Amino acid sequence: MRTTAKVASAAAVIAVAGLTTFALTRPGTTSAAGPPSRPSPAPAASSQAVSASPTLPPPISCTAAVKLVKSWRGGFQASASIRNTGVGPINEWYVRWMMPMGITVTKAWNGRPMANGPVGMIHAPESNPRLDPGESATAGFLAVMKGATPPRFSDVGCG
């Protein structure tokens, strides 16, 4: 679907399939979107301003850590923590890390676990998915592994 408008002012707002596009035209001409299907009347003078860009949320800024609490032959307990260091909230937060192959996260509390190969993650619990600026959260988890060597966690990130 093409939408175009004949305008008498210097700018026109064109909405197509839920997207807003801004196009500059000269009085008496049409936009580059094609010929108009129905000419629009010249708009009345208005004091309303049109915003050229939507307001974006602030970027996410956080710190995270994954720490071994205790280990035993064939398994371990660890914690994953996150702190919102930004100016806006983090919705559906997560902590992500790399770990040795062969580890399976079996249980978690204060978060929802996910692991795929060497990548482990804890996602926010459904009951409390939001972290406001300055807030932190800690989740714990249990995992099974081969051997007795305690795992090392690397490349810890958050969002």
N, C-alpha and C. Protein backbone atom coordinates (compact mmCIF):
# COMPACT_ATOMS: atom_id res chain seq x y z
N MET A 1 0.85 -1.16 0.00
CA MET A 1 0.00 0.00 0.00
C MET A 1 0.89 1.22 0.00
N ARG A 2 0.54 2.20 -0.82
CA ARG A 2 1.27 3.45 -0.87
C ARG A 2 0.37 4.55 -0.34
N THR A 3 0.94 5.42 0.45
CA THR A 3 0.21 6.56 0.93
C THR A 3 1.03 7.79 0.62
N THR A 4 0.38 8.79 0.06
CA THR A 4 1.08 10.02 -0.26
C THR A 4 0.13 11.17 -0.01
N ALA A 5 0.64 12.34 0.05
CA ALA A 5 -0.21 13.49 0.32
C ALA A 5 0.29 14.69 -0.47
N LYS A 6 -0.65 15.46 -1.01
CA LYS A 6 -0.32 16.73 -1.64
C LYS A 6 -0.44 17.76 -0.54
N VAL A 7 0.60 18.52 -0.34
CA VAL A 7 0.59 19.44 0.79
C VAL A 7 0.97 20.84 0.36
N ALA A 8 0.55 21.80 1.17
CA ALA A 8 0.92 23.18 0.92
C ALA A 8 2.03 23.62 1.86
N SER A 9 2.35 22.78 2.85
CA SER A 9 3.42 23.13 3.79
C SER A 9 4.71 22.45 3.38
N ALA A 10 5.78 22.68 4.13
CA ALA A 10 7.10 22.17 3.76
C ALA A 10 7.31 20.72 4.15
N ALA A 11 6.55 20.16 5.08
CA ALA A 11 6.78 18.79 5.52
C ALA A 11 5.46 18.04 5.57
N ALA A 12 5.53 16.75 5.30
CA ALA A 12 4.36 15.89 5.36
C ALA A 12 4.71 14.66 6.17
N VAL A 13 3.76 14.13 6.89
CA VAL A 13 3.95 12.89 7.62
C VAL A 13 3.18 11.82 6.87
N ILE A 14 3.85 10.73 6.53
CA ILE A 14 3.25 9.65 5.76
C ILE A 14 3.24 8.42 6.65
N ALA A 15 2.06 7.83 6.87
CA ALA A 15 1.96 6.62 7.70
C ALA A 15 1.59 5.45 6.80
N VAL A 16 2.43 4.41 6.80
CA VAL A 16 2.19 3.22 6.01
C VAL A 16 2.38 2.01 6.90
N ALA A 17 1.36 1.17 7.02
CA ALA A 17 1.43 -0.09 7.78
C ALA A 17 2.01 0.12 9.16
N GLY A 18 1.58 1.17 9.85
CA GLY A 18 2.01 1.38 11.22
C GLY A 18 3.35 2.08 11.37
N LEU A 19 4.04 2.37 10.26
CA LEU A 19 5.32 3.06 10.33
C LEU A 19 5.12 4.51 9.94
N THR A 20 5.83 5.40 10.53
CA THR A 20 5.73 6.81 10.21
C THR A 20 6.99 7.24 9.48
N THR A 21 6.80 7.89 8.34
CA THR A 21 7.91 8.38 7.54
C THR A 21 7.73 9.87 7.35
N PHE A 22 8.81 10.61 7.36
CA PHE A 22 8.76 12.03 7.15
C PHE A 22 9.34 12.32 5.78
N ALA A 23 8.62 13.12 4.98
CA ALA A 23 9.09 13.46 3.65
C ALA A 23 8.93 14.95 3.44
N LEU A 24 9.90 15.57 2.81
CA LEU A 24 9.80 16.98 2.48
C LEU A 24 9.27 17.11 1.06
N THR A 25 8.33 18.01 0.88
CA THR A 25 7.78 18.26 -0.45
C THR A 25 7.64 19.76 -0.65
N ARG A 26 7.50 20.15 -1.89
CA ARG A 26 7.24 21.55 -2.22
C ARG A 26 5.75 21.72 -2.38
N PRO A 27 5.25 22.92 -2.15
CA PRO A 27 3.83 23.15 -2.39
C PRO A 27 3.46 22.78 -3.83
N GLY A 28 2.36 22.07 -3.99
CA GLY A 28 1.89 21.71 -5.31
C GLY A 28 2.53 20.46 -5.87
N THR A 29 3.40 19.76 -5.12
CA THR A 29 4.03 18.54 -5.60
C THR A 29 3.62 17.38 -4.71
N THR A 30 4.00 16.19 -5.11
CA THR A 30 3.70 15.01 -4.30
C THR A 30 4.99 14.42 -3.79
N SER A 31 4.88 13.55 -2.77
CA SER A 31 6.07 12.91 -2.22
C SER A 31 6.56 11.83 -3.15
N ALA A 32 7.74 11.26 -2.84
CA ALA A 32 8.36 10.24 -3.69
C ALA A 32 7.64 8.90 -3.60
N ALA A 33 6.65 8.78 -2.75
CA ALA A 33 5.96 7.50 -2.59
C ALA A 33 5.06 7.19 -3.77
N GLY A 34 4.85 8.12 -4.69
CA GLY A 34 4.02 7.87 -5.85
C GLY A 34 2.88 8.85 -5.92
N PRO A 35 2.06 8.75 -6.97
CA PRO A 35 0.97 9.70 -7.13
C PRO A 35 -0.10 9.47 -6.06
N PRO A 36 -0.78 10.53 -5.67
CA PRO A 36 -1.80 10.39 -4.64
C PRO A 36 -3.00 9.63 -5.18
N SER A 37 -3.60 8.82 -4.30
CA SER A 37 -4.81 8.14 -4.69
C SER A 37 -5.99 9.09 -4.55
N ARG A 38 -5.95 9.99 -3.59
CA ARG A 38 -6.94 11.04 -3.41
C ARG A 38 -6.20 12.27 -2.93
N PRO A 39 -6.32 13.37 -3.61
CA PRO A 39 -5.65 14.58 -3.14
C PRO A 39 -6.21 14.98 -1.78
N SER A 40 -5.33 15.44 -0.91
CA SER A 40 -5.73 15.93 0.41
C SER A 40 -5.88 17.43 0.34
N PRO A 41 -6.82 17.96 1.09
CA PRO A 41 -6.92 19.42 1.12
C PRO A 41 -5.71 20.00 1.83
N ALA A 42 -5.40 21.23 1.54
CA ALA A 42 -4.28 21.89 2.20
C ALA A 42 -4.58 21.96 3.69
N PRO A 43 -3.60 21.60 4.53
CA PRO A 43 -3.86 21.64 5.96
C PRO A 43 -4.02 23.06 6.47
N ALA A 44 -4.86 23.20 7.47
CA ALA A 44 -5.05 24.50 8.09
C ALA A 44 -3.82 24.83 8.92
N ALA A 45 -3.59 26.09 9.12
CA ALA A 45 -2.46 26.50 9.95
C ALA A 45 -2.64 25.92 11.35
N SER A 46 -1.56 25.39 11.90
CA SER A 46 -1.64 24.75 13.20
C SER A 46 -0.44 25.13 14.02
N SER A 47 -0.62 25.20 15.33
CA SER A 47 0.49 25.50 16.21
C SER A 47 1.08 24.23 16.81
N GLN A 48 0.58 23.05 16.38
CA GLN A 48 1.10 21.79 16.90
C GLN A 48 2.42 21.46 16.23
N ALA A 49 3.39 21.02 17.03
CA ALA A 49 4.69 20.63 16.51
C ALA A 49 4.70 19.13 16.26
N VAL A 50 5.41 18.72 15.22
CA VAL A 50 5.55 17.31 14.90
C VAL A 50 6.95 16.88 15.33
N SER A 51 7.04 15.84 16.13
CA SER A 51 8.33 15.34 16.59
C SER A 51 8.97 14.51 15.49
N ALA A 52 10.24 14.77 15.20
CA ALA A 52 10.94 14.06 14.13
C ALA A 52 11.40 12.67 14.55
N SER A 53 11.54 12.41 15.86
CA SER A 53 11.98 11.09 16.28
C SER A 53 11.32 10.74 17.61
N PRO A 54 11.01 9.47 17.79
CA PRO A 54 10.40 9.06 19.06
C PRO A 54 11.44 9.10 20.18
N THR A 55 10.95 9.21 21.40
CA THR A 55 11.84 9.17 22.54
C THR A 55 12.26 7.74 22.80
N LEU A 56 13.56 7.49 22.82
CA LEU A 56 14.08 6.16 23.06
C LEU A 56 14.35 5.96 24.54
N PRO A 57 14.18 4.73 25.04
CA PRO A 57 14.52 4.49 26.44
C PRO A 57 16.02 4.61 26.64
N PRO A 58 16.44 4.90 27.87
CA PRO A 58 17.89 5.00 28.11
C PRO A 58 18.56 3.65 27.89
N PRO A 59 19.84 3.65 27.53
CA PRO A 59 20.54 2.37 27.33
C PRO A 59 20.64 1.60 28.65
N ILE A 60 20.69 0.28 28.53
CA ILE A 60 20.82 -0.57 29.71
C ILE A 60 22.27 -0.56 30.16
N SER A 61 22.45 -0.40 31.46
CA SER A 61 23.77 -0.44 32.05
C SER A 61 23.68 -1.28 33.32
N CYS A 62 24.53 -2.31 33.40
CA CYS A 62 24.47 -3.20 34.56
C CYS A 62 25.83 -3.86 34.79
N THR A 63 25.98 -4.42 35.98
CA THR A 63 27.14 -5.23 36.31
C THR A 63 26.62 -6.58 36.78
N ALA A 64 27.41 -7.62 36.57
CA ALA A 64 26.99 -8.97 36.95
C ALA A 64 28.17 -9.78 37.42
N ALA A 65 27.85 -10.80 38.22
CA ALA A 65 28.89 -11.73 38.70
C ALA A 65 28.26 -13.11 38.87
N VAL A 66 29.06 -14.13 38.63
CA VAL A 66 28.67 -15.52 38.91
C VAL A 66 29.75 -16.09 39.82
N LYS A 67 29.31 -16.58 40.97
CA LYS A 67 30.28 -17.06 41.97
C LYS A 67 29.95 -18.47 42.41
N LEU A 68 30.99 -19.25 42.56
CA LEU A 68 30.86 -20.61 43.08
C LEU A 68 30.64 -20.52 44.59
N VAL A 69 29.55 -21.15 45.09
CA VAL A 69 29.27 -21.15 46.52
C VAL A 69 29.94 -22.36 47.16
N LYS A 70 29.72 -23.53 46.58
CA LYS A 70 30.39 -24.75 47.05
C LYS A 70 30.33 -25.79 45.94
N SER A 71 31.26 -26.74 45.99
CA SER A 71 31.27 -27.79 44.98
C SER A 71 31.54 -29.13 45.65
N TRP A 72 31.18 -30.18 44.99
CA TRP A 72 31.41 -31.56 45.43
C TRP A 72 31.59 -32.41 44.19
N ARG A 73 32.04 -33.59 44.36
CA ARG A 73 32.26 -34.48 43.22
C ARG A 73 30.93 -34.67 42.49
N GLY A 74 30.87 -34.23 41.25
CA GLY A 74 29.67 -34.39 40.43
C GLY A 74 28.68 -33.24 40.48
N GLY A 75 28.99 -32.15 41.20
CA GLY A 75 28.04 -31.05 41.23
C GLY A 75 28.54 -29.82 41.96
N PHE A 76 27.74 -28.77 41.94
CA PHE A 76 28.10 -27.54 42.62
C PHE A 76 26.88 -26.65 42.81
N GLN A 77 27.04 -25.67 43.68
CA GLN A 77 26.06 -24.61 43.90
C GLN A 77 26.74 -23.28 43.57
N ALA A 78 26.03 -22.40 42.88
CA ALA A 78 26.59 -21.09 42.53
C ALA A 78 25.51 -20.02 42.64
N SER A 79 25.95 -18.77 42.58
CA SER A 79 25.00 -17.65 42.57
C SER A 79 25.31 -16.74 41.39
N ALA A 80 24.26 -16.11 40.88
CA ALA A 80 24.38 -15.14 39.79
C ALA A 80 23.74 -13.85 40.28
N SER A 81 24.48 -12.75 40.23
CA SER A 81 23.94 -11.48 40.70
C SER A 81 24.04 -10.42 39.62
N ILE A 82 23.11 -9.46 39.68
CA ILE A 82 23.05 -8.36 38.72
C ILE A 82 22.72 -7.09 39.48
N ARG A 83 23.30 -5.98 39.04
CA ARG A 83 22.99 -4.66 39.61
C ARG A 83 22.73 -3.71 38.45
N ASN A 84 21.61 -2.98 38.53
CA ASN A 84 21.28 -1.98 37.53
C ASN A 84 22.06 -0.71 37.83
N THR A 85 23.03 -0.38 36.99
CA THR A 85 23.85 0.82 37.17
C THR A 85 23.41 1.95 36.25
N GLY A 86 22.31 1.75 35.54
CA GLY A 86 21.82 2.76 34.59
C GLY A 86 20.84 3.73 35.22
N VAL A 87 20.25 4.55 34.35
CA VAL A 87 19.29 5.55 34.80
C VAL A 87 17.84 5.13 34.55
N GLY A 88 17.65 4.04 33.84
CA GLY A 88 16.31 3.54 33.57
C GLY A 88 16.16 2.12 34.07
N PRO A 89 14.94 1.62 34.14
CA PRO A 89 14.71 0.25 34.61
C PRO A 89 15.18 -0.79 33.59
N ILE A 90 15.47 -1.98 34.08
CA ILE A 90 15.76 -3.13 33.22
C ILE A 90 14.59 -4.09 33.39
N ASN A 91 13.88 -4.34 32.33
CA ASN A 91 12.76 -5.28 32.35
C ASN A 91 13.24 -6.62 31.80
N GLU A 92 12.83 -7.70 32.43
CA GLU A 92 13.23 -9.05 32.02
C GLU A 92 14.75 -9.18 32.02
N TRP A 93 15.38 -8.82 33.12
CA TRP A 93 16.83 -8.87 33.24
C TRP A 93 17.36 -10.30 33.09
N TYR A 94 18.65 -10.41 32.83
CA TYR A 94 19.32 -11.72 32.74
C TYR A 94 20.80 -11.57 33.10
N VAL A 95 21.39 -12.68 33.53
CA VAL A 95 22.84 -12.80 33.71
C VAL A 95 23.29 -13.96 32.83
N ARG A 96 24.35 -13.75 32.04
CA ARG A 96 24.86 -14.76 31.11
C ARG A 96 26.33 -15.00 31.40
N TRP A 97 26.79 -16.24 31.23
CA TRP A 97 28.19 -16.58 31.46
C TRP A 97 28.60 -17.78 30.62
N MET A 98 29.89 -17.97 30.49
CA MET A 98 30.46 -19.14 29.84
C MET A 98 30.96 -20.08 30.92
N MET A 99 30.83 -21.38 30.68
CA MET A 99 31.28 -22.40 31.64
C MET A 99 31.77 -23.61 30.85
N PRO A 100 32.48 -24.52 31.50
CA PRO A 100 32.98 -25.70 30.78
C PRO A 100 31.83 -26.55 30.23
N MET A 101 32.10 -27.23 29.13
CA MET A 101 31.12 -28.16 28.56
C MET A 101 30.86 -29.28 29.57
N GLY A 102 29.69 -29.88 29.47
CA GLY A 102 29.36 -31.01 30.33
C GLY A 102 28.67 -30.63 31.63
N ILE A 103 28.35 -29.37 31.81
CA ILE A 103 27.64 -28.92 33.01
C ILE A 103 26.16 -28.76 32.66
N THR A 104 25.30 -29.25 33.56
CA THR A 104 23.86 -29.11 33.38
C THR A 104 23.27 -28.43 34.61
N VAL A 105 22.63 -27.29 34.41
CA VAL A 105 21.95 -26.60 35.51
C VAL A 105 20.66 -27.37 35.78
N THR A 106 20.47 -27.80 37.03
CA THR A 106 19.33 -28.66 37.37
C THR A 106 18.24 -27.94 38.15
N LYS A 107 18.58 -26.87 38.85
CA LYS A 107 17.59 -26.18 39.68
C LYS A 107 18.06 -24.75 39.90
N ALA A 108 17.09 -23.83 40.04
CA ALA A 108 17.43 -22.44 40.35
C ALA A 108 16.36 -21.84 41.25
N TRP A 109 16.73 -20.81 41.98
CA TRP A 109 15.77 -20.08 42.79
C TRP A 109 16.04 -18.58 42.59
N ASN A 110 14.99 -17.80 42.70
CA ASN A 110 15.02 -16.35 42.43
C ASN A 110 15.40 -16.04 40.99
N GLY A 111 15.16 -16.98 40.10
CA GLY A 111 15.44 -16.79 38.68
C GLY A 111 15.11 -18.05 37.91
N ARG A 112 15.06 -17.92 36.58
CA ARG A 112 14.76 -19.05 35.70
C ARG A 112 16.02 -19.43 34.95
N PRO A 113 16.48 -20.70 35.08
CA PRO A 113 17.75 -21.10 34.45
C PRO A 113 17.59 -21.46 32.98
N MET A 114 18.67 -21.31 32.25
CA MET A 114 18.74 -21.76 30.87
C MET A 114 20.21 -22.05 30.58
N ALA A 115 20.49 -23.13 29.92
CA ALA A 115 21.87 -23.43 29.53
C ALA A 115 21.86 -24.12 28.18
N ASN A 116 22.84 -23.80 27.36
CA ASN A 116 22.98 -24.42 26.06
C ASN A 116 24.47 -24.55 25.79
N GLY A 117 24.96 -25.78 25.88
CA GLY A 117 26.40 -25.98 25.70
C GLY A 117 27.17 -25.27 26.79
N PRO A 118 28.15 -24.47 26.42
CA PRO A 118 28.95 -23.80 27.45
C PRO A 118 28.36 -22.48 27.94
N VAL A 119 27.18 -22.11 27.46
CA VAL A 119 26.56 -20.85 27.86
C VAL A 119 25.50 -21.11 28.91
N GLY A 120 25.62 -20.42 30.04
CA GLY A 120 24.62 -20.50 31.10
C GLY A 120 23.93 -19.17 31.26
N MET A 121 22.66 -19.19 31.67
CA MET A 121 21.91 -17.96 31.89
C MET A 121 20.94 -18.14 33.03
N ILE A 122 20.71 -17.05 33.73
CA ILE A 122 19.61 -16.96 34.68
C ILE A 122 18.78 -15.76 34.23
N HIS A 123 17.49 -16.00 34.02
CA HIS A 123 16.57 -14.93 33.64
C HIS A 123 15.78 -14.49 34.86
N ALA A 124 15.25 -13.29 34.82
CA ALA A 124 14.45 -12.75 35.92
C ALA A 124 13.28 -13.68 36.22
N PRO A 125 12.91 -13.80 37.49
CA PRO A 125 11.73 -14.60 37.81
C PRO A 125 10.48 -13.89 37.29
N GLU A 126 9.48 -14.65 36.90
CA GLU A 126 8.24 -14.07 36.39
C GLU A 126 7.58 -13.17 37.43
N SER A 127 7.77 -13.47 38.71
CA SER A 127 7.13 -12.70 39.76
C SER A 127 7.79 -11.34 40.01
N ASN A 128 9.02 -11.14 39.53
CA ASN A 128 9.73 -9.89 39.78
C ASN A 128 10.73 -9.62 38.65
N PRO A 129 10.23 -9.29 37.45
CA PRO A 129 11.13 -9.17 36.29
C PRO A 129 11.82 -7.82 36.13
N ARG A 130 11.53 -6.85 36.99
CA ARG A 130 12.03 -5.48 36.79
C ARG A 130 13.08 -5.11 37.84
N LEU A 131 14.15 -4.46 37.36
CA LEU A 131 15.17 -3.90 38.25
C LEU A 131 15.24 -2.40 38.01
N ASP A 132 14.88 -1.62 39.00
CA ASP A 132 14.97 -0.17 38.89
C ASP A 132 16.42 0.27 39.08
N PRO A 133 16.78 1.49 38.68
CA PRO A 133 18.15 1.97 38.84
C PRO A 133 18.62 1.81 40.30
N GLY A 134 19.82 1.28 40.47
CA GLY A 134 20.39 1.07 41.79
C GLY A 134 20.01 -0.23 42.45
N GLU A 135 19.01 -0.92 41.93
CA GLU A 135 18.58 -2.19 42.53
C GLU A 135 19.45 -3.34 42.04
N SER A 136 19.47 -4.40 42.84
CA SER A 136 20.20 -5.60 42.46
C SER A 136 19.36 -6.82 42.77
N ALA A 137 19.74 -7.94 42.18
CA ALA A 137 19.05 -9.21 42.40
C ALA A 137 20.10 -10.31 42.38
N THR A 138 19.83 -11.36 43.16
CA THR A 138 20.73 -12.51 43.20
C THR A 138 19.89 -13.78 43.08
N ALA A 139 20.32 -14.66 42.21
CA ALA A 139 19.66 -15.96 42.03
C ALA A 139 20.69 -17.04 42.33
N GLY A 140 20.23 -18.16 42.82
CA GLY A 140 21.11 -19.29 43.07
C GLY A 140 20.76 -20.44 42.15
N PHE A 141 21.73 -21.33 41.93
CA PHE A 141 21.44 -22.50 41.10
C PHE A 141 22.32 -23.67 41.48
N LEU A 142 21.82 -24.86 41.18
CA LEU A 142 22.54 -26.12 41.35
C LEU A 142 22.83 -26.68 39.98
N ALA A 143 23.95 -27.37 39.85
CA ALA A 143 24.31 -27.98 38.57
C ALA A 143 25.05 -29.29 38.82
N VAL A 144 24.98 -30.14 37.82
CA VAL A 144 25.74 -31.38 37.85
C VAL A 144 26.86 -31.27 36.83
N MET A 145 27.96 -31.99 37.10
CA MET A 145 29.12 -31.96 36.21
C MET A 145 29.86 -33.28 36.34
N LYS A 146 30.78 -33.49 35.44
CA LYS A 146 31.63 -34.67 35.51
C LYS A 146 32.89 -34.30 36.29
N GLY A 147 33.30 -35.18 37.16
CA GLY A 147 34.53 -34.93 37.90
C GLY A 147 34.33 -34.12 39.16
N ALA A 148 35.44 -33.72 39.75
CA ALA A 148 35.41 -33.00 41.02
C ALA A 148 36.05 -31.62 40.93
N THR A 149 36.57 -31.25 39.77
CA THR A 149 37.23 -29.95 39.62
C THR A 149 36.17 -28.85 39.59
N PRO A 150 36.25 -27.88 40.51
CA PRO A 150 35.26 -26.80 40.52
C PRO A 150 35.29 -26.03 39.19
N PRO A 151 34.12 -25.66 38.68
CA PRO A 151 34.09 -24.95 37.40
C PRO A 151 34.55 -23.50 37.54
N ARG A 152 35.00 -22.95 36.44
CA ARG A 152 35.33 -21.53 36.36
C ARG A 152 34.33 -20.88 35.42
N PHE A 153 33.88 -19.69 35.79
CA PHE A 153 32.92 -18.95 34.97
C PHE A 153 33.65 -17.76 34.34
N SER A 154 33.36 -17.51 33.07
CA SER A 154 34.02 -16.41 32.36
C SER A 154 33.01 -15.66 31.50
N ASP A 155 33.44 -14.56 30.93
CA ASP A 155 32.62 -13.75 30.02
C ASP A 155 31.23 -13.48 30.60
N VAL A 156 31.19 -13.06 31.85
CA VAL A 156 29.91 -12.78 32.50
C VAL A 156 29.36 -11.47 31.97
N GLY A 157 28.09 -11.49 31.62
CA GLY A 157 27.42 -10.30 31.10
C GLY A 157 26.00 -10.21 31.63
N CYS A 158 25.35 -9.09 31.34
CA CYS A 158 23.98 -8.91 31.83
C CYS A 158 23.20 -8.01 30.89
N GLY A 159 21.94 -7.96 31.14
CA GLY A 159 21.06 -7.10 30.35
C GLY A 159 19.67 -7.16 30.87
